[in-house]
Protein backbone atom coordinates (compact mmCIF):
# COMPACT_ATOMS: atom_id res chain seq x y z
CA MET A 1 -158.87 171.22 -11.71
CA ASN A 2 -162.13 170.15 -10.27
CA PRO A 3 -161.24 168.19 -7.11
CA ALA A 4 -164.22 165.89 -7.72
CA ALA A 5 -162.70 164.66 -11.01
CA LEU A 6 -159.36 163.92 -9.37
CA ARG A 7 -161.11 162.17 -6.47
CA ASP A 8 -163.15 160.01 -8.88
CA LEU A 9 -160.10 159.05 -10.95
CA VAL A 10 -158.28 158.01 -7.77
CA LEU A 11 -161.33 156.07 -6.55
CA ALA A 12 -161.58 154.31 -9.93
CA GLN A 13 -158.02 153.04 -9.62
CA VAL A 14 -158.29 152.16 -5.93
CA SER A 15 -161.52 150.25 -6.63
CA PHE A 16 -160.07 148.23 -9.49
CA PHE A 17 -156.74 147.39 -7.89
CA GLY A 18 -158.13 146.93 -4.39
CA PHE A 19 -160.72 144.39 -5.46
CA LEU A 20 -158.28 142.73 -7.86
CA LEU A 21 -155.99 142.25 -4.87
CA VAL A 22 -158.85 140.71 -2.88
CA ALA A 23 -159.54 138.30 -5.74
CA ALA A 24 -155.84 137.44 -6.08
CA LEU A 25 -155.63 136.75 -2.35
CA LEU A 26 -158.50 134.28 -2.73
CA THR A 27 -156.58 132.43 -5.45
CA ASP A 28 -153.45 133.18 -7.41
CA GLN A 29 -154.70 131.24 -10.45
CA GLY A 30 -155.29 134.45 -12.41
CA PHE A 31 -151.52 134.86 -12.43
CA MET A 32 -150.77 131.25 -13.32
CA ASN A 33 -150.73 129.45 -16.68
CA ASN A 34 -150.82 132.71 -18.67
CA HIS A 35 -154.35 133.61 -17.56
CA GLY A 36 -155.36 137.25 -17.61
CA PRO A 37 -157.07 139.14 -14.77
CA SER A 38 -160.41 138.31 -16.45
CA TYR A 39 -159.90 134.86 -14.92
CA TYR A 40 -161.17 136.34 -11.66
CA GLY A 41 -164.47 137.37 -13.23
CA GLU A 42 -165.15 133.84 -14.47
CA HIS A 43 -164.97 131.86 -11.23
CA VAL A 44 -167.50 131.78 -8.41
CA ARG A 45 -164.99 132.36 -5.65
CA THR A 46 -163.56 135.55 -7.17
CA ALA A 47 -166.31 136.88 -9.46
CA VAL A 48 -167.90 139.16 -6.84
CA PRO A 49 -164.76 141.06 -5.78
CA PHE A 50 -163.41 141.26 -9.33
CA GLY A 51 -166.78 142.32 -10.76
CA LEU A 52 -167.32 144.87 -8.00
CA GLY A 53 -163.88 146.36 -8.60
CA LEU A 54 -164.38 146.66 -12.34
CA ALA A 55 -167.95 148.01 -12.01
CA LEU A 56 -166.91 150.59 -9.41
CA SER A 57 -163.96 151.60 -11.56
CA ALA A 58 -166.30 152.09 -14.52
CA GLY A 59 -168.71 154.13 -12.40
CA PHE A 60 -166.03 156.40 -10.96
CA THR A 61 -164.44 156.83 -14.40
CA TRP A 62 -167.82 157.86 -15.84
CA ARG A 63 -168.41 160.23 -12.93
CA ALA A 64 -164.96 161.81 -13.38
CA ALA A 65 -165.83 162.53 -17.02
CA VAL A 66 -168.67 164.82 -15.89
CA HIS A 67 -166.07 167.24 -14.54
CA LEU A 68 -163.67 167.18 -17.48
CA ASP A 69 -163.34 168.86 -20.86
CA GLU A 70 -164.10 167.19 -24.18
CA PRO A 71 -162.76 165.15 -25.94
CA PHE A 72 -161.09 163.71 -22.83
CA ALA A 73 -164.46 163.34 -21.08
CA GLN A 74 -165.94 161.42 -24.01
CA ALA A 75 -162.93 159.10 -24.14
CA LEU A 76 -163.36 158.32 -20.43
CA ARG A 77 -167.06 157.58 -20.93
CA VAL A 78 -166.24 155.12 -23.73
CA LEU A 79 -163.58 153.60 -21.48
CA ALA A 80 -166.14 153.12 -18.68
CA VAL A 81 -168.52 151.35 -21.08
CA LEU A 82 -165.70 149.09 -22.29
CA PHE A 83 -164.88 148.15 -18.68
CA LEU A 84 -168.48 147.00 -18.21
CA LEU A 85 -168.52 145.14 -21.54
CA ASP A 86 -165.29 143.40 -20.59
CA LEU A 87 -166.91 142.26 -17.35
CA ALA A 88 -170.11 141.17 -19.15
CA THR A 89 -168.30 138.92 -21.63
CA PRO A 90 -166.52 136.15 -19.74
CA ASP A 91 -164.40 134.40 -22.33
CA THR A 92 -165.03 130.89 -20.98
CA VAL A 93 -168.80 130.75 -21.69
CA ASP A 94 -168.55 129.84 -25.38
CA GLY A 95 -166.91 130.88 -28.62
CA ALA A 96 -169.11 133.94 -29.12
CA PHE A 97 -168.33 135.25 -25.63
CA TYR A 98 -164.64 134.52 -26.16
CA TRP A 99 -164.47 136.54 -29.38
CA THR A 100 -166.60 139.34 -27.94
CA HIS A 101 -164.29 139.53 -24.93
CA VAL A 102 -161.26 139.63 -27.25
CA ALA A 103 -162.90 142.38 -29.34
CA VAL A 104 -163.71 144.47 -26.27
CA SER A 105 -160.15 144.07 -25.02
CA ALA A 106 -158.86 144.91 -28.49
CA ALA A 107 -160.77 148.20 -28.26
CA LEU A 108 -159.96 148.89 -24.60
CA PHE A 109 -156.19 148.71 -24.75
CA PRO A 110 -155.63 150.97 -27.78
CA LEU A 111 -158.13 153.50 -26.39
CA GLU A 112 -156.18 153.67 -23.13
CA LEU A 113 -152.93 153.98 -25.04
CA GLY A 114 -154.44 156.73 -27.22
CA ILE A 115 -155.69 158.67 -24.20
CA ALA A 116 -152.28 158.38 -22.55
CA ALA A 117 -150.45 159.41 -25.75
CA ALA A 118 -152.72 162.45 -26.19
CA ILE A 119 -152.05 163.54 -22.62
CA VAL A 120 -148.29 163.11 -23.05
CA HIS A 121 -148.37 164.94 -26.39
CA ALA A 122 -150.18 167.86 -24.76
CA ARG A 123 -148.00 167.96 -21.66
CA ARG A 124 -144.58 166.48 -22.41
CA ALA A 125 -143.91 166.25 -18.67
CA PRO A 126 -141.11 163.77 -17.86
CA VAL A 127 -143.20 161.79 -15.35
CA LEU A 128 -145.97 161.35 -17.93
CA ILE A 129 -143.48 160.27 -20.59
CA VAL A 130 -142.07 157.62 -18.22
CA LEU A 131 -145.56 156.36 -17.36
CA LEU A 132 -146.45 156.13 -21.06
CA ALA A 133 -143.22 154.20 -21.72
CA VAL A 134 -144.05 151.78 -18.89
CA GLN A 135 -147.59 151.41 -20.22
CA LEU A 136 -146.31 150.67 -23.72
CA ALA A 137 -143.71 148.16 -22.49
CA ALA A 138 -146.32 146.41 -20.33
CA GLY A 139 -148.68 146.36 -23.30
CA LEU A 140 -146.03 144.57 -25.35
CA VAL A 141 -145.58 142.01 -22.56
CA ALA A 142 -149.36 141.44 -22.51
CA MET A 143 -149.54 141.22 -26.31
CA PHE A 144 -146.72 138.67 -26.61
CA SER A 145 -148.25 136.73 -23.72
CA GLN A 146 -151.62 136.69 -25.48
CA LEU A 147 -149.81 135.25 -28.47
CA HIS A 148 -148.23 132.65 -26.12
CA ALA A 149 -144.70 133.75 -26.97
CA ILE A 150 -144.13 134.46 -23.25
CA GLY A 151 -146.20 133.69 -20.16
CA PHE A 152 -146.85 136.96 -18.32
CA LEU A 153 -150.35 137.97 -19.42
CA SER A 154 -151.72 139.06 -16.03
CA GLU A 155 -148.49 140.77 -15.06
CA GLY A 156 -148.42 142.70 -18.33
CA ILE A 157 -152.07 143.71 -18.08
CA VAL A 158 -151.80 144.78 -14.44
CA ALA A 159 -148.64 146.82 -15.14
CA TYR A 160 -150.35 148.38 -18.18
CA GLN A 161 -153.44 149.33 -16.17
CA LEU A 162 -151.37 150.63 -13.27
CA ALA A 163 -149.23 152.85 -15.52
CA PHE A 164 -152.34 154.14 -17.30
CA GLY A 165 -154.17 154.81 -14.03
CA LEU A 166 -151.21 156.68 -12.56
CA LEU A 167 -150.85 158.69 -15.75
CA LEU A 168 -154.50 159.75 -15.53
CA ILE A 169 -154.15 160.74 -11.89
CA VAL A 170 -150.94 162.71 -12.41
CA ALA A 171 -152.45 164.47 -15.44
CA ALA A 172 -155.64 165.28 -13.53
CA ALA A 173 -153.66 166.64 -10.60
CA ARG A 174 -151.82 168.97 -12.99
CA PRO A 175 -154.49 170.23 -15.41
CA ALA A 176 -153.67 171.72 -18.80
CA GLU A 177 -156.02 174.01 -20.66
CA GLY A 178 -158.41 172.11 -22.89
CA LEU A 179 -157.43 168.66 -21.70
CA VAL A 180 -158.41 168.07 -18.11
CA GLY A 181 -159.86 171.35 -16.92
CA ALA A 182 -163.18 171.84 -15.23
CA ALA A 183 -166.18 171.40 -17.50
CA PRO A 184 -168.96 174.01 -17.49
CA ASN A 185 -171.28 171.59 -15.68
CA THR A 186 -169.51 170.61 -12.47
CA ALA A 187 -172.52 169.23 -10.62
CA PRO A 188 -171.73 165.95 -8.80
């Protein structure tokens, strides 16, 4: 495994969750009233840390893809673009932004689940299977919260992202041929 790819995947997760924590320390409103973490990107007080965390996560995810095999590298590049589109479409601007944000999220979550499922299918390692199960369960919590059946949207999304991020890191730390090996071009 190229150590640069592993480093970048770790930095992507640390950036996202670190700056999300900063935003949540500024106000806990993103975890109240069934808001999602996107709440933090829509308010002046928290937009900078949340936006910085998501943008850095996208950048490190893109940079990690340089060091990885296809199709995994391409999936990470699409994921990085979706992170930026999610940030660029605050759902409180107007109806068009709301539906664009929903569409981006509707693409983001299944892509992450598909990446995780492909890794688990290729590896079948118990730790990866557990992380995928946690990701799926958290995704169901987020989905039912989005439908207002329960009120844990942020919690579900954060758990989903955390399980997915850990799954990526564990998979990158234990490469399998053709999935997360070093790409021919390993320039930084």
